[in-house]
Amino acid sequence: MSLLSAWRGTQLLIGLFLYGFSLAMMIRATLGVSPWDVLGLGSALQTGLPFGVMTNIIGLIVLLLWIPLRQKPGVGTILNVLLVGPSAEVGLAVLREPETLWARILLFAGGLILLAVASGLYIGAQYGPGPRDGLMTGMHRRFGLPIWFVRTAIEGTVLLLGWLLGGPVGVGTVAVVLLIGPLVHLALPIFHIPTPEQSTQSPGPSHPDRSSQTKSADLAGEDRELKGA
């Protein structure tokens, strides 16, 4: 294994763990969560299964939807499905709900920023998008629908279904929808690692080609577990 591959793999695993942990931070803040986590929490409430398990199950279901879209998962895609749920459970086990509003706001803000950093880490490793990202880009490529329309339709449907199942919707939900895209866009250039093929065309890891940054930024704008997962 080359040093570059080890670097990318380590960054991927750290990013996925922090992704799940950031979800736990926002859940414990009780100010609202992302649309996909509204669905996860609502499903957990109705089934009695832990949130982390439901996150894994939902990720697997979404991944199966890639088949008719002719999407091919990467190593990062599979690990996203397997690791985000358990890392979220670790966070829920060690974190407690703050008693004061200001502490809840700080916890939520920290979780949102950590979610953006974690997304930059795992997307920047370039081992494949998360299952939810792939669903959106796959529908865009398969049916020719605008990304904004696909994202809005999917997340609106997920949010409504999660709310009907009893998932928590709050001001934090709005904050995630509005802010996660710009925050991940800022994080991606910092953590972007060129693949070996890209390295031969660019000066080095600190100067990735602009087309790769643009592609990753487009994926980041489509991410819901910062999205995950």
Protein backbone atom coordinates (compact mmCIF):
# COMPACT_ATOMS: atom_id res chain seq x y z
CA MET A 1 0.00 0.00 0.00
CA SER A 2 1.36 3.41 -0.97
CA LEU A 3 1.64 6.31 1.42
CA LEU A 4 -1.02 8.17 -0.54
CA SER A 5 -3.48 5.26 -0.27
CA ALA A 6 -2.84 4.96 3.46
CA TRP A 7 -3.39 8.69 3.86
CA ARG A 8 -6.66 8.57 1.93
CA GLY A 9 -7.90 5.50 3.82
CA THR A 10 -7.11 6.99 7.21
CA GLN A 11 -8.80 10.25 6.30
CA LEU A 12 -11.87 8.33 5.09
CA LEU A 13 -12.23 6.39 8.34
CA ILE A 14 -11.71 9.47 10.52
CA GLY A 15 -14.24 11.40 8.44
CA LEU A 16 -16.90 8.69 8.72
CA PHE A 17 -16.44 8.36 12.48
CA LEU A 18 -16.68 12.13 12.99
CA TYR A 19 -19.71 12.22 10.69
CA GLY A 20 -21.66 9.87 12.90
CA PHE A 21 -20.45 11.59 16.07
CA SER A 22 -21.57 14.97 14.74
CA LEU A 23 -25.07 13.57 14.18
CA ALA A 24 -25.16 12.53 17.84
CA MET A 25 -24.15 16.05 18.89
CA MET A 26 -27.05 17.59 16.99
CA ILE A 27 -29.50 14.99 18.25
CA ARG A 28 -28.50 15.67 21.87
CA ALA A 29 -28.92 19.42 21.26
CA THR A 30 -32.66 18.75 20.61
CA LEU A 31 -33.00 21.73 18.28
CA GLY A 32 -33.80 19.74 15.17
CA VAL A 33 -31.78 17.55 12.82
CA SER A 34 -31.27 17.07 9.09
CA PRO A 35 -34.12 15.63 6.97
CA TRP A 36 -32.43 12.22 6.73
CA ASP A 37 -31.94 12.12 10.49
CA VAL A 38 -35.56 13.12 11.03
CA LEU A 39 -36.39 9.97 9.07
CA GLY A 40 -33.87 7.92 11.03
CA LEU A 41 -35.15 9.08 14.41
CA GLY A 42 -38.79 8.69 13.36
CA SER A 43 -38.11 5.15 12.13
CA ALA A 44 -36.26 4.33 15.34
CA LEU A 45 -39.20 5.60 17.35
CA GLN A 46 -41.66 3.42 15.47
CA THR A 47 -39.55 0.25 15.33
CA GLY A 48 -37.80 0.44 18.69
CA LEU A 49 -34.44 -0.06 17.01
CA PRO A 50 -31.48 2.17 17.94
CA PHE A 51 -30.92 5.26 15.80
CA GLY A 52 -27.55 3.94 14.62
CA VAL A 53 -29.10 0.69 13.41
CA MET A 54 -31.84 2.56 11.55
CA THR A 55 -29.20 4.80 9.97
CA ASN A 56 -27.43 1.71 8.64
CA ILE A 57 -30.69 0.19 7.39
CA ILE A 58 -31.75 3.39 5.63
CA GLY A 59 -28.30 3.70 4.07
CA LEU A 60 -28.55 0.12 2.78
CA ILE A 61 -32.02 0.73 1.32
CA VAL A 62 -30.79 3.88 -0.41
CA LEU A 63 -27.79 1.97 -1.73
CA LEU A 64 -30.11 -0.65 -3.25
CA LEU A 65 -31.83 2.16 -5.14
CA TRP A 66 -28.53 2.70 -6.96
CA ILE A 67 -29.06 -0.55 -8.90
CA PRO A 68 -31.74 0.69 -11.33
CA LEU A 69 -29.82 3.97 -11.63
CA ARG A 70 -26.69 2.02 -12.71
CA GLN A 71 -24.57 3.65 -10.03
CA LYS A 72 -21.45 1.83 -8.85
CA PRO A 73 -20.52 2.19 -5.16
CA GLY A 74 -16.96 2.76 -4.03
CA VAL A 75 -15.20 1.55 -0.92
CA GLY A 76 -16.17 4.79 0.81
CA THR A 77 -19.82 4.23 -0.10
CA ILE A 78 -19.90 0.81 1.57
CA LEU A 79 -18.00 2.01 4.63
CA ASN A 80 -20.39 4.95 4.91
CA VAL A 81 -23.32 2.55 5.19
CA LEU A 82 -21.50 0.39 7.77
CA LEU A 83 -19.74 2.94 10.00
CA VAL A 84 -21.84 6.09 10.35
CA GLY A 85 -24.54 4.36 12.40
CA PRO A 86 -22.18 2.79 14.97
CA SER A 87 -20.21 6.03 15.37
CA ALA A 88 -23.48 7.88 15.98
CA GLU A 89 -24.30 5.37 18.70
CA VAL A 90 -20.91 6.01 20.31
CA GLY A 91 -21.71 9.71 20.37
CA LEU A 92 -25.16 9.14 21.84
CA ALA A 93 -23.63 6.95 24.54
CA VAL A 94 -21.11 9.54 25.72
CA LEU A 95 -23.10 12.75 25.22
CA ARG A 96 -25.98 14.00 27.35
CA GLU A 97 -28.65 16.58 26.57
CA PRO A 98 -27.60 20.00 27.94
CA GLU A 99 -29.92 21.61 30.44
CA THR A 100 -29.59 25.21 29.26
CA LEU A 101 -30.56 26.68 25.90
CA TRP A 102 -27.20 28.32 25.28
CA ALA A 103 -25.40 25.02 25.86
CA ARG A 104 -27.77 23.28 23.44
CA ILE A 105 -27.09 25.96 20.82
CA LEU A 106 -23.33 25.57 21.26
CA LEU A 107 -23.61 21.78 21.02
CA PHE A 108 -25.69 22.03 17.86
CA ALA A 109 -23.35 24.57 16.27
CA GLY A 110 -20.36 22.40 17.10
CA GLY A 111 -22.11 19.38 15.60
CA LEU A 112 -22.96 21.26 12.42
CA ILE A 113 -19.38 22.47 11.96
CA LEU A 114 -18.02 18.99 12.72
CA LEU A 115 -20.46 17.54 10.18
CA ALA A 116 -19.03 19.85 7.51
CA VAL A 117 -15.44 18.94 8.44
CA ALA A 118 -16.30 15.22 8.47
CA SER A 119 -17.96 15.53 5.06
CA GLY A 120 -14.89 17.27 3.70
CA LEU A 121 -12.71 14.49 5.09
CA TYR A 122 -14.61 11.53 3.67
CA ILE A 123 -15.53 13.14 0.34
CA GLY A 124 -12.01 14.53 -0.03
CA ALA A 125 -10.56 11.03 0.32
CA GLN A 126 -12.27 10.23 -3.02
CA TYR A 127 -13.30 6.66 -2.28
CA GLY A 128 -16.85 7.16 -3.48
CA PRO A 129 -19.83 9.31 -2.41
CA GLY A 130 -22.21 8.48 0.38
CA PRO A 131 -25.35 6.53 -0.55
CA ARG A 132 -27.59 9.62 -0.37
CA ASP A 133 -25.27 11.66 -2.58
CA GLY A 134 -25.14 8.86 -5.11
CA LEU A 135 -28.92 8.60 -5.19
CA MET A 136 -29.24 12.28 -6.09
CA THR A 137 -26.48 12.33 -8.70
CA GLY A 138 -27.72 9.03 -10.12
CA MET A 139 -31.25 10.37 -10.62
CA HIS A 140 -29.79 13.51 -12.15
CA ARG A 141 -27.76 11.53 -14.69
CA ARG A 142 -30.40 8.88 -15.36
CA PHE A 143 -33.41 11.16 -15.89
CA GLY A 144 -31.78 14.47 -16.78
CA LEU A 145 -33.46 16.26 -13.90
CA PRO A 146 -31.77 19.33 -12.35
CA ILE A 147 -29.76 18.59 -9.21
CA TRP A 148 -31.65 21.22 -7.23
CA PHE A 149 -34.98 19.62 -8.17
CA VAL A 150 -33.81 16.08 -7.32
CA ARG A 151 -32.35 17.20 -3.99
CA THR A 152 -35.45 19.17 -3.03
CA ALA A 153 -37.79 16.34 -4.01
CA ILE A 154 -35.82 13.66 -2.14
CA GLU A 155 -35.20 15.67 1.01
CA GLY A 156 -38.75 17.02 1.07
CA THR A 157 -40.13 13.49 0.82
CA VAL A 158 -37.71 12.20 3.47
CA LEU A 159 -38.52 15.08 5.81
CA LEU A 160 -42.27 14.61 5.47
CA LEU A 161 -42.06 10.86 6.00
CA GLY A 162 -39.78 11.29 9.01
CA TRP A 163 -42.08 13.90 10.55
CA LEU A 164 -45.11 11.63 10.06
CA LEU A 165 -43.18 8.89 11.88
CA GLY A 166 -42.55 11.22 14.81
CA GLY A 167 -39.07 12.47 13.98
CA PRO A 168 -38.02 15.83 15.48
CA VAL A 169 -38.23 18.89 13.22
CA GLY A 170 -37.04 22.24 14.50
CA VAL A 171 -35.01 25.33 13.81
CA GLY A 172 -31.93 23.11 13.64
CA THR A 173 -33.45 21.32 10.64
CA VAL A 174 -33.67 24.62 8.78
CA ALA A 175 -30.11 25.50 9.83
CA VAL A 176 -28.75 22.21 8.48
CA VAL A 177 -30.57 22.57 5.16
CA LEU A 178 -29.36 26.15 4.66
CA LEU A 179 -25.81 25.96 6.02
CA ILE A 180 -24.38 22.49 5.42
CA GLY A 181 -23.79 23.03 1.70
CA PRO A 182 -21.75 26.26 2.08
CA LEU A 183 -19.83 24.84 5.06
CA VAL A 184 -18.86 21.66 3.23
CA HIS A 185 -17.89 23.76 0.22
CA LEU A 186 -15.38 25.54 2.46
CA ALA A 187 -14.07 22.29 3.94
CA LEU A 188 -13.55 20.37 0.69
CA PRO A 189 -10.47 22.22 -0.66
CA ILE A 190 -8.77 21.79 2.71
CA PHE A 191 -9.15 18.00 2.83
CA HIS A 192 -9.13 17.13 -0.88
CA ILE A 193 -6.55 14.43 -1.66
CA PRO A 194 -5.76 13.79 -5.35
CA THR A 195 -5.94 10.20 -6.55
CA PRO A 196 -2.75 8.72 -8.06
CA GLU A 197 -4.10 9.56 -11.54
CA GLN A 198 -4.73 13.16 -10.55
CA SER A 199 -1.34 13.44 -8.84
CA THR A 200 0.40 12.87 -12.16
CA GLN A 201 -1.44 15.87 -13.58
CA SER A 202 -1.00 18.29 -10.67
CA PRO A 203 1.94 19.67 -8.64
CA GLY A 204 0.97 17.75 -5.49
CA PRO A 205 -1.66 17.13 -2.82
CA SER A 206 -1.75 20.79 -1.83
CA HIS A 207 -2.60 21.83 -5.43
CA PRO A 208 -5.45 19.57 -6.64
CA ASP A 209 -6.72 20.26 -10.12
CA ARG A 210 -9.64 22.61 -10.20
CA SER A 211 -11.97 20.21 -12.01
CA SER A 212 -11.65 17.72 -9.13
CA GLN A 213 -12.45 20.42 -6.60
CA THR A 214 -15.49 21.45 -8.62
CA LYS A 215 -16.75 17.88 -8.87
CA SER A 216 -16.32 17.31 -5.15
CA ALA A 217 -17.95 20.65 -4.38
CA ASP A 218 -20.97 19.65 -6.47
CA LEU A 219 -21.27 16.42 -4.47
CA ALA A 220 -20.92 18.33 -1.24
CA GLY A 221 -23.75 20.63 -2.17
CA GLU A 222 -25.92 17.54 -2.53
CA ASP A 223 -25.04 16.02 0.87
CA ARG A 224 -27.70 15.86 3.52
CA GLU A 225 -24.90 12.11 7.39
CA LEU A 226 -22.90 15.76 6.21
CA LYS A 227 -24.57 13.09 5.38
CA GLY A 228 -23.09 9.83 5.29
CA ALA A 229 -22.74 8.94 6.77
